[in-house]
All heavy atoms as atom14 arrays in JSON, in Angstrom:
{
  "sequence": "ILPPTLPWHGASEKLIAKPSDPWITPSELTGLTASPNYADTRAWLEKL",
  "atom14_mask": [
    [1, 1, 1, 1, 1, 1, 1, 1, 0, 0, 0, 0, 0, 0],
    [1, 1, 1, 1, 1, 1, 1, 1, 0, 0, 0, 0, 0, 0],
    [1, 1, 1, 1, 1, 1, 1, 0, 0, 0, 0, 0, 0, 0],
    [1, 1, 1, 1, 1, 1, 1, 0, 0, 0, 0, 0, 0, 0],
    [1, 1, 1, 1, 1, 1, 1, 0, 0, 0, 0, 0, 0, 0],
    [1, 1, 1, 1, 1, 1, 1, 1, 0, 0, 0, 0, 0, 0],
    [1, 1, 1, 1, 1, 1, 1, 0, 0, 0, 0, 0, 0, 0],
    [1, 1, 1, 1, 1, 1, 1, 1, 1, 1, 1, 1, 1, 1],
    [1, 1, 1, 1, 1, 1, 1, 1, 1, 1, 0, 0, 0, 0],
    [1, 1, 1, 1, 0, 0, 0, 0, 0, 0, 0, 0, 0, 0],
    [1, 1, 1, 1, 1, 0, 0, 0, 0, 0, 0, 0, 0, 0],
    [1, 1, 1, 1, 1, 1, 0, 0, 0, 0, 0, 0, 0, 0],
    [1, 1, 1, 1, 1, 1, 1, 1, 1, 0, 0, 0, 0, 0],
    [1, 1, 1, 1, 1, 1, 1, 1, 1, 0, 0, 0, 0, 0],
    [1, 1, 1, 1, 1, 1, 1, 1, 0, 0, 0, 0, 0, 0],
    [1, 1, 1, 1, 1, 1, 1, 1, 0, 0, 0, 0, 0, 0],
    [1, 1, 1, 1, 1, 0, 0, 0, 0, 0, 0, 0, 0, 0],
    [1, 1, 1, 1, 1, 1, 1, 1, 1, 0, 0, 0, 0, 0],
    [1, 1, 1, 1, 1, 1, 1, 0, 0, 0, 0, 0, 0, 0],
    [1, 1, 1, 1, 1, 1, 0, 0, 0, 0, 0, 0, 0, 0],
    [1, 1, 1, 1, 1, 1, 1, 1, 0, 0, 0, 0, 0, 0],
    [1, 1, 1, 1, 1, 1, 1, 0, 0, 0, 0, 0, 0, 0],
    [1, 1, 1, 1, 1, 1, 1, 1, 1, 1, 1, 1, 1, 1],
    [1, 1, 1, 1, 1, 1, 1, 1, 0, 0, 0, 0, 0, 0],
    [1, 1, 1, 1, 1, 1, 1, 0, 0, 0, 0, 0, 0, 0],
    [1, 1, 1, 1, 1, 1, 1, 0, 0, 0, 0, 0, 0, 0],
    [1, 1, 1, 1, 1, 1, 0, 0, 0, 0, 0, 0, 0, 0],
    [1, 1, 1, 1, 1, 1, 1, 1, 1, 0, 0, 0, 0, 0],
    [1, 1, 1, 1, 1, 1, 1, 1, 0, 0, 0, 0, 0, 0],
    [1, 1, 1, 1, 1, 1, 1, 0, 0, 0, 0, 0, 0, 0],
    [1, 1, 1, 1, 0, 0, 0, 0, 0, 0, 0, 0, 0, 0],
    [1, 1, 1, 1, 1, 1, 1, 1, 0, 0, 0, 0, 0, 0],
    [1, 1, 1, 1, 1, 1, 1, 0, 0, 0, 0, 0, 0, 0],
    [1, 1, 1, 1, 1, 0, 0, 0, 0, 0, 0, 0, 0, 0],
    [1, 1, 1, 1, 1, 1, 0, 0, 0, 0, 0, 0, 0, 0],
    [1, 1, 1, 1, 1, 1, 1, 0, 0, 0, 0, 0, 0, 0],
    [1, 1, 1, 1, 1, 1, 1, 1, 0, 0, 0, 0, 0, 0],
    [1, 1, 1, 1, 1, 1, 1, 1, 1, 1, 1, 1, 0, 0],
    [1, 1, 1, 1, 1, 0, 0, 0, 0, 0, 0, 0, 0, 0],
    [1, 1, 1, 1, 1, 1, 1, 1, 0, 0, 0, 0, 0, 0],
    [1, 1, 1, 1, 1, 1, 1, 0, 0, 0, 0, 0, 0, 0],
    [1, 1, 1, 1, 1, 1, 1, 1, 1, 1, 1, 0, 0, 0],
    [1, 1, 1, 1, 1, 0, 0, 0, 0, 0, 0, 0, 0, 0],
    [1, 1, 1, 1, 1, 1, 1, 1, 1, 1, 1, 1, 1, 1],
    [1, 1, 1, 1, 1, 1, 1, 1, 0, 0, 0, 0, 0, 0],
    [1, 1, 1, 1, 1, 1, 1, 1, 1, 0, 0, 0, 0, 0],
    [1, 1, 1, 1, 1, 1, 1, 1, 1, 0, 0, 0, 0, 0],
    [1, 1, 1, 1, 1, 1, 1, 1, 0, 0, 0, 0, 0, 0]
  ],
  "atom14_positions": [
    [[128.0, 112.22, 0.66], [127.16, 111.24, 1.35], [125.68, 111.6, 1.26], [124.83, 110.81, 1.68], [127.56, 111.09, 2.84], [127.41, 112.44, 3.57], [128.97, 110.55, 2.97], [127.65, 112.35, 5.06], [0.0, 0.0, 0.0], [0.0, 0.0, 0.0], [0.0, 0.0, 0.0], [0.0, 0.0, 0.0], [0.0, 0.0, 0.0], [0.0, 0.0, 0.0]],
    [[125.39, 112.79, 0.74], [124.0, 113.21, 0.64], [123.37, 112.71, -0.67], [124.08, 112.43, -1.64], [123.92, 114.74, 0.7], [124.41, 115.38, 2.0], [124.29, 116.89, 1.92], [123.64, 114.84, 3.19], [0.0, 0.0, 0.0], [0.0, 0.0, 0.0], [0.0, 0.0, 0.0], [0.0, 0.0, 0.0], [0.0, 0.0, 0.0], [0.0, 0.0, 0.0]],
    [[122.05, 112.61, -0.7], [121.37, 112.18, -1.93], [121.62, 113.16, -3.07], [122.04, 114.3, -2.85], [119.89, 112.17, -1.52], [119.88, 112.14, -0.04], [121.11, 112.85, 0.41], [0.0, 0.0, 0.0], [0.0, 0.0, 0.0], [0.0, 0.0, 0.0], [0.0, 0.0, 0.0], [0.0, 0.0, 0.0], [0.0, 0.0, 0.0], [0.0, 0.0, 0.0]],
    [[121.33, 112.75, -4.3], [121.49, 113.66, -5.44], [120.6, 114.9, -5.27], [119.53, 114.85, -4.68], [121.04, 112.82, -6.64], [121.13, 111.4, -6.19], [120.89, 111.41, -4.72], [0.0, 0.0, 0.0], [0.0, 0.0, 0.0], [0.0, 0.0, 0.0], [0.0, 0.0, 0.0], [0.0, 0.0, 0.0], [0.0, 0.0, 0.0], [0.0, 0.0, 0.0]],
    [[121.09, 116.0, -5.82], [120.34, 117.26, -5.76], [119.26, 117.29, -6.83], [119.51, 116.92, -7.98], [121.29, 118.45, -5.96], [122.36, 118.35, -5.02], [120.57, 119.77, -5.76], [0.0, 0.0, 0.0], [0.0, 0.0, 0.0], [0.0, 0.0, 0.0], [0.0, 0.0, 0.0], [0.0, 0.0, 0.0], [0.0, 0.0, 0.0], [0.0, 0.0, 0.0]],
    [[118.09, 117.75, -6.46], [117.06, 117.98, -7.46], [117.43, 119.22, -8.27], [117.77, 120.26, -7.69], [115.69, 118.19, -6.81], [114.87, 116.93, -6.48], [115.55, 116.11, -5.4], [113.46, 117.32, -6.05], [0.0, 0.0, 0.0], [0.0, 0.0, 0.0], [0.0, 0.0, 0.0], [0.0, 0.0, 0.0], [0.0, 0.0, 0.0], [0.0, 0.0, 0.0]],
    [[117.41, 119.16, -9.59], [117.77, 120.35, -10.39], [116.81, 121.49, -10.1], [115.6, 121.29, -9.87], [117.64, 119.86, -11.83], [116.79, 118.63, -11.76], [117.0, 118.02, -10.42], [0.0, 0.0, 0.0], [0.0, 0.0, 0.0], [0.0, 0.0, 0.0], [0.0, 0.0, 0.0], [0.0, 0.0, 0.0], [0.0, 0.0, 0.0], [0.0, 0.0, 0.0]],
    [[117.36, 122.73, -10.11], [116.51, 123.89, -9.81], [117.06, 125.14, -10.5], [118.27, 125.38, -10.5], [116.44, 124.15, -8.31], [115.63, 125.38, -7.98], [114.28, 125.47, -7.86], [116.14, 126.7, -7.73], [113.9, 126.75, -7.56], [115.03, 127.54, -7.47], [117.42, 127.27, -7.71], [115.15, 128.9, -7.19], [117.55, 128.62, -7.43], [116.43, 129.43, -7.17]],
    [[116.14, 125.93, -11.06], [116.42, 127.29, -11.49], [115.13, 128.08, -11.24], [114.03, 127.57, -11.42], [116.81, 127.36, -12.96], [118.17, 126.83, -13.25], [119.32, 127.49, -12.87], [118.58, 125.68, -13.85], [120.37, 126.78, -13.24], [119.95, 125.67, -13.84], [0.0, 0.0, 0.0], [0.0, 0.0, 0.0], [0.0, 0.0, 0.0], [0.0, 0.0, 0.0]],
    [[115.31, 129.36, -10.85], [114.13, 130.16, -10.58], [114.37, 131.62, -10.84], [115.53, 132.09, -10.93], [0.0, 0.0, 0.0], [0.0, 0.0, 0.0], [0.0, 0.0, 0.0], [0.0, 0.0, 0.0], [0.0, 0.0, 0.0], [0.0, 0.0, 0.0], [0.0, 0.0, 0.0], [0.0, 0.0, 0.0], [0.0, 0.0, 0.0], [0.0, 0.0, 0.0]],
    [[113.28, 132.36, -10.92], [113.39, 133.8, -11.17], [114.13, 134.52, -10.05], [114.7, 135.59, -10.27], [111.98, 134.39, -11.33], [0.0, 0.0, 0.0], [0.0, 0.0, 0.0], [0.0, 0.0, 0.0], [0.0, 0.0, 0.0], [0.0, 0.0, 0.0], [0.0, 0.0, 0.0], [0.0, 0.0, 0.0], [0.0, 0.0, 0.0], [0.0, 0.0, 0.0]],
    [[114.15, 133.95, -8.85], [114.84, 134.61, -7.73], [116.34, 134.69, -7.95], [117.03, 135.46, -7.25], [114.54, 133.88, -6.42], [115.02, 132.55, -6.46], [0.0, 0.0, 0.0], [0.0, 0.0, 0.0], [0.0, 0.0, 0.0], [0.0, 0.0, 0.0], [0.0, 0.0, 0.0], [0.0, 0.0, 0.0], [0.0, 0.0, 0.0], [0.0, 0.0, 0.0]],
    [[116.87, 133.94, -8.89], [118.31, 134.02, -9.16], [118.71, 135.42, -9.63], [119.88, 135.81, -9.52], [118.7, 132.97, -10.2], [118.59, 131.54, -9.67], [118.84, 130.49, -10.74], [118.01, 130.39, -11.67], [119.86, 129.78, -10.64], [0.0, 0.0, 0.0], [0.0, 0.0, 0.0], [0.0, 0.0, 0.0], [0.0, 0.0, 0.0], [0.0, 0.0, 0.0]],
    [[117.75, 136.18, -10.14], [118.04, 137.55, -10.58], [118.34, 138.47, -9.4], [118.82, 139.59, -9.59], [116.87, 138.1, -11.37], [116.59, 137.35, -12.68], [115.37, 137.91, -13.39], [115.07, 137.14, -14.67], [113.83, 137.63, -15.34], [0.0, 0.0, 0.0], [0.0, 0.0, 0.0], [0.0, 0.0, 0.0], [0.0, 0.0, 0.0], [0.0, 0.0, 0.0]],
    [[118.06, 138.02, -8.19], [118.33, 138.82, -7.0], [119.81, 138.88, -6.66], [120.24, 139.75, -5.89], [117.56, 138.25, -5.79], [116.03, 138.25, -5.89], [115.44, 137.42, -4.76], [115.5, 139.68, -5.85], [0.0, 0.0, 0.0], [0.0, 0.0, 0.0], [0.0, 0.0, 0.0], [0.0, 0.0, 0.0], [0.0, 0.0, 0.0], [0.0, 0.0, 0.0]],
    [[120.6, 137.97, -7.19], [122.02, 137.93, -6.86], [122.74, 139.13, -7.48], [122.57, 139.43, -8.66], [122.64, 136.61, -7.36], [121.93, 135.42, -6.71], [124.14, 136.56, -7.07], [122.35, 134.07, -7.28], [0.0, 0.0, 0.0], [0.0, 0.0, 0.0], [0.0, 0.0, 0.0], [0.0, 0.0, 0.0], [0.0, 0.0, 0.0], [0.0, 0.0, 0.0]],
    [[123.54, 139.79, -6.68], [124.25, 140.98, -7.15], [125.31, 140.61, -8.19], [125.89, 139.52, -8.16], [124.91, 141.7, -5.97], [0.0, 0.0, 0.0], [0.0, 0.0, 0.0], [0.0, 0.0, 0.0], [0.0, 0.0, 0.0], [0.0, 0.0, 0.0], [0.0, 0.0, 0.0], [0.0, 0.0, 0.0], [0.0, 0.0, 0.0], [0.0, 0.0, 0.0]],
    [[125.55, 141.54, -9.1], [126.63, 141.36, -10.07], [127.96, 141.49, -9.36], [128.11, 142.21, -8.37], [126.51, 142.4, -11.18], [125.28, 142.23, -12.06], [125.24, 143.29, -13.15], [124.12, 143.02, -14.15], [122.8, 142.94, -13.52], [0.0, 0.0, 0.0], [0.0, 0.0, 0.0], [0.0, 0.0, 0.0], [0.0, 0.0, 0.0], [0.0, 0.0, 0.0]],
    [[129.0, 140.8, -9.86], [130.32, 140.88, -9.22], [130.84, 142.31, -9.1], [131.63, 142.59, -8.19], [131.2, 140.03, -10.15], [130.26, 139.09, -10.82], [128.98, 139.86, -11.01], [0.0, 0.0, 0.0], [0.0, 0.0, 0.0], [0.0, 0.0, 0.0], [0.0, 0.0, 0.0], [0.0, 0.0, 0.0], [0.0, 0.0, 0.0], [0.0, 0.0, 0.0]],
    [[130.41, 143.2, -9.98], [130.89, 144.58, -9.94], [130.16, 145.44, -8.92], [130.56, 146.59, -8.68], [130.72, 145.21, -11.33], [129.35, 145.19, -11.72], [0.0, 0.0, 0.0], [0.0, 0.0, 0.0], [0.0, 0.0, 0.0], [0.0, 0.0, 0.0], [0.0, 0.0, 0.0], [0.0, 0.0, 0.0], [0.0, 0.0, 0.0], [0.0, 0.0, 0.0]],
    [[129.09, 144.92, -8.32], [128.31, 145.7, -7.35], [129.15, 145.97, -6.12], [129.64, 145.05, -5.45], [127.05, 144.91, -6.96], [126.06, 145.74, -6.15], [126.49, 146.65, -5.42], [124.84, 145.46, -6.25], [0.0, 0.0, 0.0], [0.0, 0.0, 0.0], [0.0, 0.0, 0.0], [0.0, 0.0, 0.0], [0.0, 0.0, 0.0], [0.0, 0.0, 0.0]],
    [[129.36, 147.25, -5.76], [130.18, 147.54, -4.58], [129.55, 147.02, -3.28], [130.25, 146.92, -2.27], [130.26, 149.08, -4.58], [129.09, 149.53, -5.38], [128.87, 148.49, -6.42], [0.0, 0.0, 0.0], [0.0, 0.0, 0.0], [0.0, 0.0, 0.0], [0.0, 0.0, 0.0], [0.0, 0.0, 0.0], [0.0, 0.0, 0.0], [0.0, 0.0, 0.0]],
    [[128.25, 146.72, -3.31], [127.57, 146.22, -2.11], [127.23, 144.74, -2.21], [126.35, 144.24, -1.51], [126.32, 147.05, -1.83], [126.68, 148.4, -1.28], [126.69, 149.59, -1.94], [127.12, 148.67, 0.04], [127.11, 150.6, -1.12], [127.38, 150.05, 0.12], [127.34, 147.89, 1.17], [127.84, 150.68, 1.27], [127.78, 148.5, 2.33], [128.03, 149.87, 2.36]],
    [[127.96, 144.03, -3.03], [127.78, 142.58, -3.07], [128.12, 142.01, -1.69], [129.04, 142.46, -1.02], [128.68, 141.96, -4.17], [128.31, 140.48, -4.38], [130.16, 142.13, -3.86], [128.98, 139.87, -5.6], [0.0, 0.0, 0.0], [0.0, 0.0, 0.0], [0.0, 0.0, 0.0], [0.0, 0.0, 0.0], [0.0, 0.0, 0.0], [0.0, 0.0, 0.0]],
    [[127.33, 141.06, -1.23], [127.55, 140.52, 0.11], [128.67, 139.49, 0.09], [129.0, 138.92, -0.96], [126.27, 139.85, 0.64], [125.98, 138.7, -0.16], [125.09, 140.8, 0.63], [0.0, 0.0, 0.0], [0.0, 0.0, 0.0], [0.0, 0.0, 0.0], [0.0, 0.0, 0.0], [0.0, 0.0, 0.0], [0.0, 0.0, 0.0], [0.0, 0.0, 0.0]],
    [[129.29, 139.22, 1.24], [130.35, 138.21, 1.28], [129.89, 136.85, 0.77], [130.65, 136.14, 0.11], [130.73, 138.14, 2.76], [130.38, 139.51, 3.29], [129.15, 139.93, 2.54], [0.0, 0.0, 0.0], [0.0, 0.0, 0.0], [0.0, 0.0, 0.0], [0.0, 0.0, 0.0], [0.0, 0.0, 0.0], [0.0, 0.0, 0.0], [0.0, 0.0, 0.0]],
    [[128.65, 136.46, 1.06], [128.17, 135.17, 0.58], [128.0, 135.16, -0.94], [128.32, 134.17, -1.6], [126.84, 134.81, 1.25], [126.41, 133.52, 0.88], [0.0, 0.0, 0.0], [0.0, 0.0, 0.0], [0.0, 0.0, 0.0], [0.0, 0.0, 0.0], [0.0, 0.0, 0.0], [0.0, 0.0, 0.0], [0.0, 0.0, 0.0], [0.0, 0.0, 0.0]],
    [[127.51, 136.26, -1.5], [127.36, 136.34, -2.95], [128.7, 136.25, -3.66], [128.79, 135.74, -4.78], [126.64, 137.63, -3.34], [125.15, 137.64, -3.0], [124.53, 139.01, -3.22], [125.03, 139.99, -2.61], [123.56, 139.1, -3.99], [0.0, 0.0, 0.0], [0.0, 0.0, 0.0], [0.0, 0.0, 0.0], [0.0, 0.0, 0.0], [0.0, 0.0, 0.0]],
    [[129.76, 136.73, -3.02], [131.1, 136.63, -3.6], [131.5, 135.17, -3.84], [132.33, 134.88, -4.69], [132.13, 137.3, -2.68], [132.21, 138.83, -2.74], [133.11, 139.35, -1.63], [132.73, 139.27, -4.11], [0.0, 0.0, 0.0], [0.0, 0.0, 0.0], [0.0, 0.0, 0.0], [0.0, 0.0, 0.0], [0.0, 0.0, 0.0], [0.0, 0.0, 0.0]],
    [[130.91, 134.26, -3.07], [131.23, 132.84, -3.21], [130.17, 132.1, -4.02], [130.17, 130.87, -4.04], [131.35, 132.18, -1.83], [130.04, 132.07, -1.24], [132.25, 132.96, -0.91], [0.0, 0.0, 0.0], [0.0, 0.0, 0.0], [0.0, 0.0, 0.0], [0.0, 0.0, 0.0], [0.0, 0.0, 0.0], [0.0, 0.0, 0.0], [0.0, 0.0, 0.0]],
    [[129.27, 132.84, -4.67], [128.2, 132.19, -5.39], [127.14, 131.62, -4.47], [126.44, 130.66, -4.83], [0.0, 0.0, 0.0], [0.0, 0.0, 0.0], [0.0, 0.0, 0.0], [0.0, 0.0, 0.0], [0.0, 0.0, 0.0], [0.0, 0.0, 0.0], [0.0, 0.0, 0.0], [0.0, 0.0, 0.0], [0.0, 0.0, 0.0], [0.0, 0.0, 0.0]],
    [[126.98, 132.22, -3.28], [126.05, 131.73, -2.26], [126.32, 130.27, -1.9], [125.42, 129.45, -1.78], [124.59, 131.91, -2.7], [124.11, 133.36, -2.89], [122.65, 133.38, -3.35], [124.28, 134.18, -1.6], [0.0, 0.0, 0.0], [0.0, 0.0, 0.0], [0.0, 0.0, 0.0], [0.0, 0.0, 0.0], [0.0, 0.0, 0.0], [0.0, 0.0, 0.0]],
    [[127.61, 130.0, -1.69], [127.99, 128.67, -1.22], [128.58, 128.72, 0.18], [128.66, 127.69, 0.86], [129.03, 128.02, -2.15], [130.21, 128.85, -2.2], [128.46, 127.86, -3.56], [0.0, 0.0, 0.0], [0.0, 0.0, 0.0], [0.0, 0.0, 0.0], [0.0, 0.0, 0.0], [0.0, 0.0, 0.0], [0.0, 0.0, 0.0], [0.0, 0.0, 0.0]],
    [[129.03, 129.91, 0.61], [129.63, 130.06, 1.93], [128.96, 131.23, 2.64], [128.27, 132.05, 2.03], [131.13, 130.3, 1.82], [0.0, 0.0, 0.0], [0.0, 0.0, 0.0], [0.0, 0.0, 0.0], [0.0, 0.0, 0.0], [0.0, 0.0, 0.0], [0.0, 0.0, 0.0], [0.0, 0.0, 0.0], [0.0, 0.0, 0.0], [0.0, 0.0, 0.0]],
    [[129.21, 131.31, 3.95], [128.64, 132.37, 4.77], [129.75, 133.0, 5.59], [130.6, 132.29, 6.14], [127.55, 131.8, 5.69], [126.87, 132.83, 6.37], [0.0, 0.0, 0.0], [0.0, 0.0, 0.0], [0.0, 0.0, 0.0], [0.0, 0.0, 0.0], [0.0, 0.0, 0.0], [0.0, 0.0, 0.0], [0.0, 0.0, 0.0], [0.0, 0.0, 0.0]],
    [[129.79, 134.32, 5.7], [130.91, 134.98, 6.4], [130.88, 134.71, 7.9], [129.83, 134.46, 8.49], [130.68, 136.46, 6.1], [129.22, 136.58, 5.85], [128.83, 135.31, 5.16], [0.0, 0.0, 0.0], [0.0, 0.0, 0.0], [0.0, 0.0, 0.0], [0.0, 0.0, 0.0], [0.0, 0.0, 0.0], [0.0, 0.0, 0.0], [0.0, 0.0, 0.0]],
    [[132.07, 134.79, 8.5], [132.14, 134.64, 9.95], [131.61, 135.89, 10.64], [131.19, 136.86, 10.01], [133.58, 134.33, 10.38], [134.56, 135.43, 10.05], [134.19, 136.59, 9.82], [135.84, 135.09, 10.0], [0.0, 0.0, 0.0], [0.0, 0.0, 0.0], [0.0, 0.0, 0.0], [0.0, 0.0, 0.0], [0.0, 0.0, 0.0], [0.0, 0.0, 0.0]],
    [[131.63, 135.88, 11.98], [131.04, 136.98, 12.75], [131.71, 138.31, 12.44], [131.05, 139.33, 12.21], [131.14, 136.65, 14.24], [130.66, 137.76, 15.16], [129.32, 137.87, 15.5], [131.57, 138.67, 15.71], [128.89, 138.87, 16.36], [131.14, 139.67, 16.56], [129.8, 139.78, 16.88], [129.38, 140.77, 17.74], [0.0, 0.0, 0.0], [0.0, 0.0, 0.0]],
    [[133.05, 138.32, 12.44], [133.78, 139.58, 12.23], [133.49, 140.16, 10.85], [133.26, 141.37, 10.71], [135.28, 139.35, 12.41], [0.0, 0.0, 0.0], [0.0, 0.0, 0.0], [0.0, 0.0, 0.0], [0.0, 0.0, 0.0], [0.0, 0.0, 0.0], [0.0, 0.0, 0.0], [0.0, 0.0, 0.0], [0.0, 0.0, 0.0], [0.0, 0.0, 0.0]],
    [[133.49, 139.32, 9.82], [133.24, 139.82, 8.47], [131.79, 140.25, 8.29], [131.5, 141.23, 7.6], [133.59, 138.75, 7.43], [135.09, 138.49, 7.36], [135.86, 139.34, 7.84], [135.49, 137.43, 6.84], [0.0, 0.0, 0.0], [0.0, 0.0, 0.0], [0.0, 0.0, 0.0], [0.0, 0.0, 0.0], [0.0, 0.0, 0.0], [0.0, 0.0, 0.0]],
    [[130.87, 139.52, 8.92], [129.46, 139.92, 8.88], [129.28, 141.29, 9.53], [128.63, 142.18, 8.98], [128.59, 138.89, 9.61], [128.74, 137.61, 8.99], [127.12, 139.29, 9.6], [0.0, 0.0, 0.0], [0.0, 0.0, 0.0], [0.0, 0.0, 0.0], [0.0, 0.0, 0.0], [0.0, 0.0, 0.0], [0.0, 0.0, 0.0], [0.0, 0.0, 0.0]],
    [[129.86, 141.46, 10.69], [129.72, 142.73, 11.4], [130.35, 143.88, 10.62], [129.76, 144.97, 10.54], [130.35, 142.62, 12.79], [130.21, 143.89, 13.62], [130.59, 143.68, 15.06], [130.21, 144.85, 15.86], [130.18, 144.87, 17.18], [130.49, 143.77, 17.87], [129.81, 145.96, 17.83], [0.0, 0.0, 0.0], [0.0, 0.0, 0.0], [0.0, 0.0, 0.0]],
    [[131.52, 143.64, 10.06], [132.19, 144.7, 9.31], [131.34, 145.15, 8.12], [131.21, 146.36, 7.85], [133.56, 144.22, 8.84], [0.0, 0.0, 0.0], [0.0, 0.0, 0.0], [0.0, 0.0, 0.0], [0.0, 0.0, 0.0], [0.0, 0.0, 0.0], [0.0, 0.0, 0.0], [0.0, 0.0, 0.0], [0.0, 0.0, 0.0], [0.0, 0.0, 0.0]],
    [[130.76, 144.21, 7.4], [129.91, 144.56, 6.24], [128.68, 145.33, 6.69], [128.31, 146.34, 6.08], [129.52, 143.28, 5.5], [128.88, 143.52, 4.16], [129.51, 143.6, 2.96], [127.48, 143.7, 3.89], [128.6, 143.83, 1.96], [127.34, 143.9, 2.51], [126.35, 143.73, 4.7], [126.1, 144.11, 1.91], [125.11, 143.93, 4.1], [125.0, 144.12, 2.72]],
    [[128.07, 144.9, 7.78], [126.86, 145.57, 8.27], [127.18, 146.96, 8.82], [126.38, 147.9, 8.7], [126.18, 144.71, 9.33], [125.52, 143.42, 8.81], [125.09, 142.54, 9.98], [124.34, 143.75, 7.9], [0.0, 0.0, 0.0], [0.0, 0.0, 0.0], [0.0, 0.0, 0.0], [0.0, 0.0, 0.0], [0.0, 0.0, 0.0], [0.0, 0.0, 0.0]],
    [[128.34, 147.12, 9.43], [128.73, 148.45, 9.93], [128.9, 149.43, 8.77], [128.52, 150.6, 8.87], [130.03, 148.33, 10.74], [129.81, 147.75, 12.13], [131.11, 147.5, 12.87], [132.18, 147.45, 12.21], [131.07, 147.35, 14.11], [0.0, 0.0, 0.0], [0.0, 0.0, 0.0], [0.0, 0.0, 0.0], [0.0, 0.0, 0.0], [0.0, 0.0, 0.0]],
    [[129.47, 148.95, 7.66], [129.6, 149.81, 6.48], [128.22, 150.18, 5.93], [127.98, 151.33, 5.52], [130.44, 149.11, 5.41], [131.91, 148.96, 5.77], [132.67, 148.22, 4.66], [134.13, 148.02, 5.03], [134.86, 147.27, 3.98], [0.0, 0.0, 0.0], [0.0, 0.0, 0.0], [0.0, 0.0, 0.0], [0.0, 0.0, 0.0], [0.0, 0.0, 0.0]],
    [[127.31, 149.21, 5.93], [125.95, 149.47, 5.46], [125.27, 150.5, 6.36], [124.61, 151.43, 5.87], [125.16, 148.16, 5.45], [123.77, 148.21, 4.83], [123.86, 148.4, 3.32], [123.0, 146.92, 5.14], [0.0, 0.0, 0.0], [0.0, 0.0, 0.0], [0.0, 0.0, 0.0], [0.0, 0.0, 0.0], [0.0, 0.0, 0.0], [0.0, 0.0, 0.0]]
  ]
}
């Protein structure tokens, strides 16, 4: 129901971690399309 997306690419895309990175964030695992819930966010931050 939303309008068409304006195409975009930028140098900041290089900031995304590689899939092999042991510290890839939960959101990066989804291609930055989803965000982790509270428990998963806390667990990742506790490990950090």
